[in-house]
């Protein structure tokens, strides 16, 4: 939910507040509406795990479509060189050449290779 609100907030502040509408306005407005629609549809499910997995999936798909192919998307933890561990993160974006510690479906990524997480 936080990502959708943030995306809508960005559209509102950058594009709708300007007298001259950016050429990207219609694109981002359309994308925000699609994401919001998928978010609302996911509320129909009962299982919080299913709801969370589906929301994670459509956000991941959006990011994969928009970001360069040099990024890898994963889930798991981020560890740094001071032995700090984040705990579970649903979306982690790292450089494609960043090493990971393989544990199965949820891995550990080194903080130095991580770009962002949610």
Protein backbone atom coordinates (compact mmCIF):
# COMPACT_ATOMS: atom_id res chain seq x y z
CA UNK A 1 0.00 0.00 0.00
CA UNK A 2 2.79 2.40 0.84
CA UNK A 3 4.30 2.12 -2.65
CA UNK A 4 0.96 2.92 -4.31
CA UNK A 5 0.39 5.94 -2.13
CA UNK A 6 3.91 7.13 -2.83
CA UNK A 7 3.48 6.70 -6.60
CA UNK A 8 0.19 8.60 -6.55
CA UNK A 9 1.77 11.29 -4.37
CA UNK A 10 4.63 11.70 -6.87
CA UNK A 11 2.19 12.05 -9.75
CA UNK A 12 0.14 14.59 -7.82
CA UNK A 13 3.08 16.76 -6.81
CA UNK A 14 5.11 16.64 -10.02
CA UNK A 15 2.57 16.49 -12.80
CA UNK A 16 -0.80 17.75 -11.59
CA UNK A 17 0.66 20.74 -9.82
CA UNK A 18 2.23 22.10 -13.01
CA UNK A 19 0.32 24.35 -15.36
CA UNK A 20 2.07 22.74 -18.35
CA UNK A 21 1.36 19.04 -18.14
CA UNK A 22 4.43 16.86 -18.66
CA UNK A 23 4.35 14.39 -21.55
CA UNK A 24 4.88 11.67 -18.94
CA UNK A 25 1.76 12.64 -16.99
CA UNK A 26 -0.68 10.41 -18.91
CA UNK A 27 1.69 7.46 -18.75
CA UNK A 28 2.30 7.63 -15.01
CA UNK A 29 -1.33 8.42 -14.28
CA UNK A 30 -2.36 5.31 -16.23
CA UNK A 31 0.22 3.14 -14.44
CA UNK A 32 -0.87 4.47 -11.03
CA UNK A 33 -4.49 3.60 -11.86
CA UNK A 34 -3.50 0.07 -12.94
CA UNK A 35 -1.52 -0.53 -9.75
CA UNK A 36 -4.32 0.87 -7.62
CA UNK A 37 -6.82 -1.41 -9.39
CA UNK A 38 -4.67 -4.48 -8.75
CA UNK A 39 -4.24 -3.40 -5.13
CA UNK A 40 -8.01 -3.06 -4.68
CA UNK A 41 -8.68 -6.42 -6.37
CA UNK A 42 -6.28 -8.18 -4.00
CA UNK A 43 -8.51 -7.15 -1.07
CA UNK A 44 -11.06 -9.73 -2.22
CA UNK A 45 -8.86 -12.55 -0.96
CA UNK A 46 -9.10 -13.77 2.61
CA UNK A 47 -5.57 -15.05 3.27
CA UNK A 48 -3.17 -12.30 4.31
CA UNK A 49 -0.32 -14.40 2.86
CA UNK A 50 -2.06 -14.54 -0.54
CA UNK A 51 -2.85 -10.83 -0.44
CA UNK A 52 0.77 -10.00 0.40
CA UNK A 53 2.21 -12.36 -2.22
CA UNK A 54 -0.03 -10.98 -4.96
CA UNK A 55 0.75 -7.36 -4.08
CA UNK A 56 4.44 -8.18 -4.02
CA UNK A 57 4.07 -9.84 -7.42
CA UNK A 58 2.41 -6.94 -9.22
CA UNK A 59 4.87 -4.43 -7.77
CA UNK A 60 7.77 -6.69 -8.79
CA UNK A 61 6.36 -7.00 -12.32
CA UNK A 62 5.96 -3.24 -12.63
CA UNK A 63 9.54 -2.62 -11.46
CA UNK A 64 10.97 -5.34 -13.72
CA UNK A 65 9.21 -3.79 -16.71
CA UNK A 66 10.47 -0.28 -15.93
CA UNK A 67 14.01 -0.80 -14.66
CA UNK A 68 17.04 -1.84 -16.73
CA UNK A 69 17.75 -5.56 -17.09
CA UNK A 70 21.01 -5.11 -15.19
CA UNK A 71 19.06 -5.39 -11.93
CA UNK A 72 18.17 -8.60 -10.10
CA UNK A 73 15.02 -8.90 -8.00
CA UNK A 74 14.97 -11.16 -4.98
CA UNK A 75 13.56 -11.65 -1.53
CA UNK A 76 15.25 -12.50 1.71
CA UNK A 77 17.63 -10.50 3.92
CA UNK A 78 20.38 -7.97 3.45
CA UNK A 79 23.56 -8.47 5.47
CA UNK A 80 26.31 -5.89 5.83
CA UNK A 81 29.99 -6.13 6.75
CA UNK A 82 29.22 -5.19 10.38
CA UNK A 83 27.09 -8.32 10.86
CA UNK A 84 23.79 -6.41 10.68
CA UNK A 85 20.88 -8.39 9.20
CA UNK A 86 17.62 -6.77 8.06
CA UNK A 87 15.27 -9.66 8.60
CA UNK A 88 12.78 -10.63 5.91
CA UNK A 89 12.33 -8.24 2.96
CA UNK A 90 9.83 -8.98 0.20
CA UNK A 91 11.48 -7.01 -2.57
CA UNK A 92 15.24 -6.54 -2.85
CA UNK A 93 16.83 -4.97 -5.91
CA UNK A 94 20.55 -5.57 -6.44
CA UNK A 95 23.02 -5.22 -9.28
CA UNK A 96 23.03 -8.31 -11.50
CA UNK A 97 26.69 -8.93 -10.63
CA UNK A 98 26.14 -8.68 -6.85
CA UNK A 99 26.87 -11.89 -4.94
CA UNK A 100 24.21 -13.56 -2.83
CA UNK A 101 24.24 -16.21 -0.16
CA UNK A 102 21.93 -18.95 -1.39
CA UNK A 103 19.53 -20.49 1.14
CA UNK A 104 16.62 -21.46 -1.14
CA UNK A 105 13.73 -19.21 -2.17
CA UNK A 106 14.76 -16.45 0.24
CA UNK A 107 18.45 -15.62 0.11
CA UNK A 108 20.79 -13.21 1.83
CA UNK A 109 22.22 -10.35 -0.20
CA UNK A 110 25.29 -8.36 0.72
CA UNK A 111 24.51 -4.75 1.59
CA UNK A 112 27.22 -3.44 -0.70
CA UNK A 113 25.38 -4.80 -3.76
CA UNK A 114 21.88 -3.78 -2.71
CA UNK A 115 20.19 -0.84 -4.39
CA UNK A 116 16.83 -0.77 -2.59
CA UNK A 117 14.38 -2.92 -0.70
CA UNK A 118 10.82 -3.00 0.55
